[in-house]
Amino acid sequence: MTANYEVLSLLIHGPSKAGKSSLSFTGPFPMLVLDAEGSTKFLSTAGFGSEKKIKKMFWDPIREATPRYDGTWDVCVVYVPDWQTMKMAKERLTVEEHDFKSLTLDSVTEIQRKCKANLGRAAAMQQQDWGVLLHEMDLLIRGFRDLLTLPNPLRTVTFVAETKSRDGKWRPYVQGALETSMPYWVDICGYVQQLTDEEGTPYVAMLTRNHPQYEAGERVQGRLPGVIRNPNITDILNTVYEK
């Protein structure tokens, strides 16, 4: 198998209940979701407002080999109670064959908290601890993103994050230097919010261009609109590669 060059990495952030997890379910199937927040238990359709029902299976990467797709499921869910589960999932995806076309980490904010807990520093952090935390998270996030460069079926990797206002701008909520560096590691950084149109119909909007109030941007040469209504990751991928 050769590497697939039509791939896309995304970082999406936004307020609570804005539709970030639902958006992450719109990637190509079969999909792997590393769920550190329990958000997948309520998701049963392929995205906001979709009528397509999805079938789930569950995987424990510590005790089980990487599952192969057999047509009986759409989304494979890994519940991530601790840092060891997250690292083992990355290791298996790196060295074992798989059939996943899309991968979601939901959320990197909670995953970083689990990394801090693994360091024994869930409360007060010393200066040297921040260096270790940044190193571990850097290896993890870049490692998952770089799966797109390996010979496997992956087309998209999506990182979901909480959002937090700092210096008058809403940014992906990760602590330390990751707040500044993560948006540069991906192809698209999108700010997601839920709005209502003039007729009172709710919809999800994703900002993809630089904005003074929201951290957003893309490096796909303007192939996407600045604001995408009811975004769909599979559609975004196809648009970027003109399909």
Protein backbone atom coordinates (compact mmCIF):
# COMPACT_ATOMS: atom_id res chain seq x y z
CA MET A 1 0.00 0.00 0.00
CA THR A 2 1.31 3.47 -0.90
CA ALA A 3 0.67 6.71 0.98
CA ASN A 4 -2.44 8.64 0.00
CA TYR A 5 -1.58 12.25 -0.85
CA GLU A 6 -5.20 13.49 -0.87
CA VAL A 7 -5.36 13.91 2.90
CA LEU A 8 -6.41 16.61 5.33
CA SER A 9 -5.73 17.49 8.97
CA LEU A 10 -8.15 19.68 10.91
CA LEU A 11 -8.34 21.37 14.30
CA ILE A 12 -11.85 22.48 15.27
CA HIS A 13 -12.72 24.46 18.37
CA GLY A 14 -15.79 26.24 19.66
CA PRO A 15 -18.05 26.70 22.66
CA SER A 16 -19.72 23.85 24.52
CA LYS A 17 -22.53 22.09 22.61
CA ALA A 18 -21.74 23.98 19.40
CA GLY A 19 -21.67 20.80 17.30
CA LYS A 20 -17.94 19.99 17.26
CA SER A 21 -18.36 16.28 18.01
CA SER A 22 -21.22 16.00 15.53
CA LEU A 23 -19.03 17.63 12.89
CA SER A 24 -16.25 15.14 13.59
CA PHE A 25 -18.67 12.32 12.68
CA THR A 26 -18.84 13.57 9.07
CA GLY A 27 -15.47 12.19 8.02
CA PRO A 28 -15.15 9.24 5.63
CA PHE A 29 -16.14 5.81 6.97
CA PRO A 30 -14.90 3.59 8.45
CA MET A 31 -13.94 6.00 11.21
CA LEU A 32 -12.00 5.76 14.45
CA VAL A 33 -12.91 8.08 17.33
CA LEU A 34 -10.66 8.39 20.38
CA ASP A 35 -13.23 9.65 22.87
CA ALA A 36 -11.79 11.23 26.02
CA GLU A 37 -15.03 13.00 27.02
CA GLY A 38 -17.80 10.45 26.44
CA SER A 39 -19.35 12.56 23.68
CA THR A 40 -19.88 9.62 21.31
CA LYS A 41 -22.52 7.96 23.49
CA PHE A 42 -25.10 10.48 22.29
CA LEU A 43 -24.11 10.54 18.62
CA SER A 44 -26.17 8.26 16.38
CA THR A 45 -26.14 10.05 13.02
CA ALA A 46 -23.46 11.18 10.59
CA GLY A 47 -23.36 14.86 11.51
CA PHE A 48 -25.59 17.77 12.50
CA GLY A 49 -29.07 17.37 11.05
CA SER A 50 -28.15 14.18 9.18
CA GLU A 51 -30.64 11.33 8.84
CA LYS A 52 -27.94 8.75 8.16
CA LYS A 53 -27.80 6.36 11.10
CA ILE A 54 -24.39 5.07 12.10
CA LYS A 55 -23.38 1.73 13.57
CA LYS A 56 -20.71 1.69 16.27
CA MET A 57 -18.26 -0.85 17.62
CA PHE A 58 -15.88 -0.49 20.55
CA TRP A 59 -12.17 -1.20 20.81
CA ASP A 60 -9.76 -1.50 23.74
CA PRO A 61 -6.28 -0.88 22.25
CA ILE A 62 -4.52 -2.04 25.42
CA ARG A 63 -6.02 -5.54 25.30
CA GLU A 64 -7.03 -5.96 21.66
CA ALA A 65 -5.35 -5.77 18.27
CA THR A 66 -6.52 -3.13 15.80
CA PRO A 67 -9.92 -4.21 14.42
CA ARG A 68 -10.35 -4.71 10.69
CA TYR A 69 -13.41 -3.42 8.88
CA ASP A 70 -16.01 -6.10 8.10
CA GLY A 71 -18.95 -3.97 6.95
CA THR A 72 -20.96 -4.34 10.16
CA TRP A 73 -20.00 -0.93 11.65
CA ASP A 74 -19.26 2.63 10.58
CA VAL A 75 -17.50 4.08 13.62
CA CYS A 76 -15.04 2.39 15.96
CA VAL A 77 -14.98 4.08 19.38
CA VAL A 78 -12.14 3.97 21.87
CA TYR A 79 -13.07 5.31 25.29
CA VAL A 80 -9.95 6.98 26.68
CA PRO A 81 -9.90 6.82 30.49
CA ASP A 82 -6.16 7.45 30.77
CA TRP A 83 -2.99 8.48 28.98
CA GLN A 84 -1.81 4.88 28.49
CA THR A 85 -4.87 4.07 26.36
CA MET A 86 -4.19 7.05 24.12
CA LYS A 87 -0.52 6.16 23.63
CA MET A 88 -1.30 2.51 22.92
CA ALA A 89 -3.87 3.50 20.28
CA LYS A 90 -1.25 5.61 18.50
CA GLU A 91 1.31 2.83 18.70
CA ARG A 92 -1.05 0.24 17.22
CA LEU A 93 -2.12 2.55 14.41
CA THR A 94 1.53 3.17 13.60
CA VAL A 95 2.68 -0.46 13.44
CA GLU A 96 -0.47 -2.48 12.70
CA GLU A 97 -2.55 -2.54 9.53
CA HIS A 98 -5.96 -0.92 9.70
CA ASP A 99 -8.84 0.16 7.44
CA PHE A 100 -9.79 3.53 9.00
CA LYS A 101 -10.34 6.35 6.54
CA SER A 102 -10.80 9.02 9.20
CA LEU A 103 -9.60 9.57 12.74
CA THR A 104 -10.90 11.94 15.43
CA LEU A 105 -9.40 12.91 18.81
CA ASP A 106 -12.16 14.36 21.00
CA SER A 107 -10.90 16.36 22.71
CA VAL A 108 -7.24 17.35 22.84
CA THR A 109 -8.17 19.60 25.77
CA GLU A 110 -9.24 16.61 27.87
CA ILE A 111 -6.38 14.47 26.56
CA GLN A 112 -3.91 17.06 27.84
CA ARG A 113 -5.58 16.89 31.26
CA LYS A 114 -5.04 13.12 31.25
CA CYS A 115 -1.40 13.66 30.32
CA LYS A 116 -1.00 16.01 33.30
CA ALA A 117 -2.60 13.43 35.55
CA ASN A 118 -0.19 10.81 34.22
CA LEU A 119 2.69 13.08 35.24
CA GLY A 120 1.23 13.23 38.73
CA ARG A 121 0.67 16.95 38.27
CA ALA A 122 -3.06 17.30 37.85
CA ALA A 123 -2.90 20.27 40.22
CA ALA A 124 0.24 22.43 40.58
CA MET A 125 2.72 22.26 37.68
CA GLN A 126 6.39 23.08 38.07
CA GLN A 127 8.43 24.67 35.28
CA GLN A 128 10.08 21.38 34.31
CA ASP A 129 6.67 19.67 34.24
CA TRP A 130 5.46 22.03 31.53
CA GLY A 131 8.43 21.03 29.38
CA VAL A 132 7.61 17.33 29.80
CA LEU A 133 3.91 17.95 29.12
CA LEU A 134 4.64 19.89 25.94
CA HIS A 135 7.04 17.18 24.75
CA GLU A 136 4.54 14.36 25.36
CA MET A 137 1.65 16.22 23.74
CA ASP A 138 3.84 17.30 20.83
CA LEU A 139 4.79 13.68 20.14
CA LEU A 140 1.18 12.55 20.42
CA ILE A 141 -0.49 15.23 18.28
CA ARG A 142 2.19 15.26 15.59
CA GLY A 143 2.27 11.46 15.65
CA PHE A 144 -1.44 11.19 14.93
CA ARG A 145 -1.26 13.90 12.27
CA ASP A 146 1.69 12.21 10.61
CA LEU A 147 -0.26 8.98 10.22
CA LEU A 148 -1.54 10.74 7.09
CA THR A 149 1.93 10.41 5.58
CA LEU A 150 2.14 6.64 6.06
CA PRO A 151 0.91 3.96 3.63
CA ASN A 152 -2.55 3.41 5.09
CA PRO A 153 -6.15 4.30 4.13
CA LEU A 154 -6.41 7.43 6.35
CA ARG A 155 -7.78 10.50 4.56
CA THR A 156 -8.56 12.84 7.47
CA VAL A 157 -7.36 13.42 11.03
CA THR A 158 -9.50 15.77 13.13
CA PHE A 159 -8.56 17.26 16.49
CA VAL A 160 -11.45 18.62 18.55
CA ALA A 161 -10.73 21.22 21.24
CA GLU A 162 -12.58 23.37 23.71
CA THR A 163 -12.20 27.12 23.19
CA LYS A 164 -11.08 29.89 25.52
CA SER A 165 -10.78 33.65 25.16
CA ARG A 166 -7.31 35.10 25.67
CA ASP A 167 -6.17 38.59 24.71
CA GLY A 168 -9.58 39.28 23.16
CA LYS A 169 -9.50 36.25 20.86
CA TRP A 170 -11.14 32.81 21.10
CA ARG A 171 -8.45 30.14 20.74
CA PRO A 172 -8.25 26.33 21.00
CA TYR A 173 -8.06 25.59 24.71
CA VAL A 174 -4.81 23.77 25.33
CA GLN A 175 -2.33 24.87 27.94
CA GLY A 176 1.21 26.10 27.46
CA ALA A 177 2.88 26.61 24.10
CA LEU A 178 0.40 24.25 22.37
CA GLU A 179 -2.14 27.07 22.28
CA THR A 180 0.09 28.93 19.83
CA SER A 181 1.63 26.03 17.92
CA MET A 182 -1.29 23.63 17.29
CA PRO A 183 -3.12 25.79 14.73
CA TYR A 184 0.07 25.76 12.63
CA TRP A 185 0.32 21.96 12.69
CA VAL A 186 -2.87 21.34 10.71
CA ASP A 187 -4.23 22.18 7.27
CA ILE A 188 -7.42 23.78 8.57
CA CYS A 189 -8.14 25.43 11.92
CA GLY A 190 -11.88 26.09 12.17
CA TYR A 191 -13.96 27.93 14.74
CA VAL A 192 -17.38 26.29 15.10
CA GLN A 193 -20.54 27.85 16.50
CA GLN A 194 -24.27 27.21 16.31
CA LEU A 195 -26.38 30.01 14.84
CA THR A 196 -30.00 30.58 13.82
CA ASP A 197 -31.09 31.87 10.43
CA GLU A 198 -33.81 34.45 9.75
CA GLU A 199 -36.48 31.76 9.78
CA GLY A 200 -35.40 30.48 13.20
CA THR A 201 -33.71 27.35 11.86
CA PRO A 202 -30.53 26.40 13.74
CA TYR A 203 -27.38 25.60 11.81
CA VAL A 204 -23.68 25.11 12.44
CA ALA A 205 -21.19 27.57 10.99
CA MET A 206 -17.45 27.02 10.72
CA LEU A 207 -15.07 29.93 10.20
CA THR A 208 -12.00 28.98 8.16
CA ARG A 209 -10.26 32.34 7.64
CA ASN A 210 -8.24 34.58 9.92
CA HIS A 211 -10.45 36.72 12.15
CA PRO A 212 -9.61 39.27 14.87
CA GLN A 213 -11.92 37.54 17.38
CA TYR A 214 -11.51 33.85 16.52
CA GLU A 215 -8.47 31.67 15.85
CA ALA A 216 -9.04 30.22 12.38
CA GLY A 217 -7.16 29.72 9.14
CA GLU A 218 -6.32 27.36 6.30
CA ARG A 219 -3.45 26.50 4.00
CA VAL A 220 -5.50 25.03 1.16
CA GLN A 221 -5.05 28.06 -1.10
CA GLY A 222 -8.51 29.54 -0.58
CA ARG A 223 -10.35 26.48 -1.89
CA LEU A 224 -12.92 26.78 0.89
CA PRO A 225 -15.33 29.61 1.68
CA GLY A 226 -14.53 31.77 4.69
CA VAL A 227 -17.65 30.51 6.47
CA ILE A 228 -19.06 27.04 5.85
CA ARG A 229 -22.69 26.44 6.76
CA ASN A 230 -23.40 22.96 8.22
CA PRO A 231 -19.84 21.82 7.46
CA ASN A 232 -19.11 18.23 6.50
CA ILE A 233 -15.55 16.92 6.66
CA THR A 234 -15.99 14.54 3.73
CA ASP A 235 -17.38 17.39 1.60
CA ILE A 236 -14.51 19.64 2.70
CA LEU A 237 -11.99 16.97 1.69
CA ASN A 238 -13.63 16.55 -1.72
CA THR A 239 -13.78 20.33 -2.25
CA VAL A 240 -10.11 20.80 -1.42
CA TYR A 241 -9.19 18.12 -3.94
CA GLU A 242 -11.89 19.21 -6.42
CA LYS A 243 -14.05 16.07 -6.47
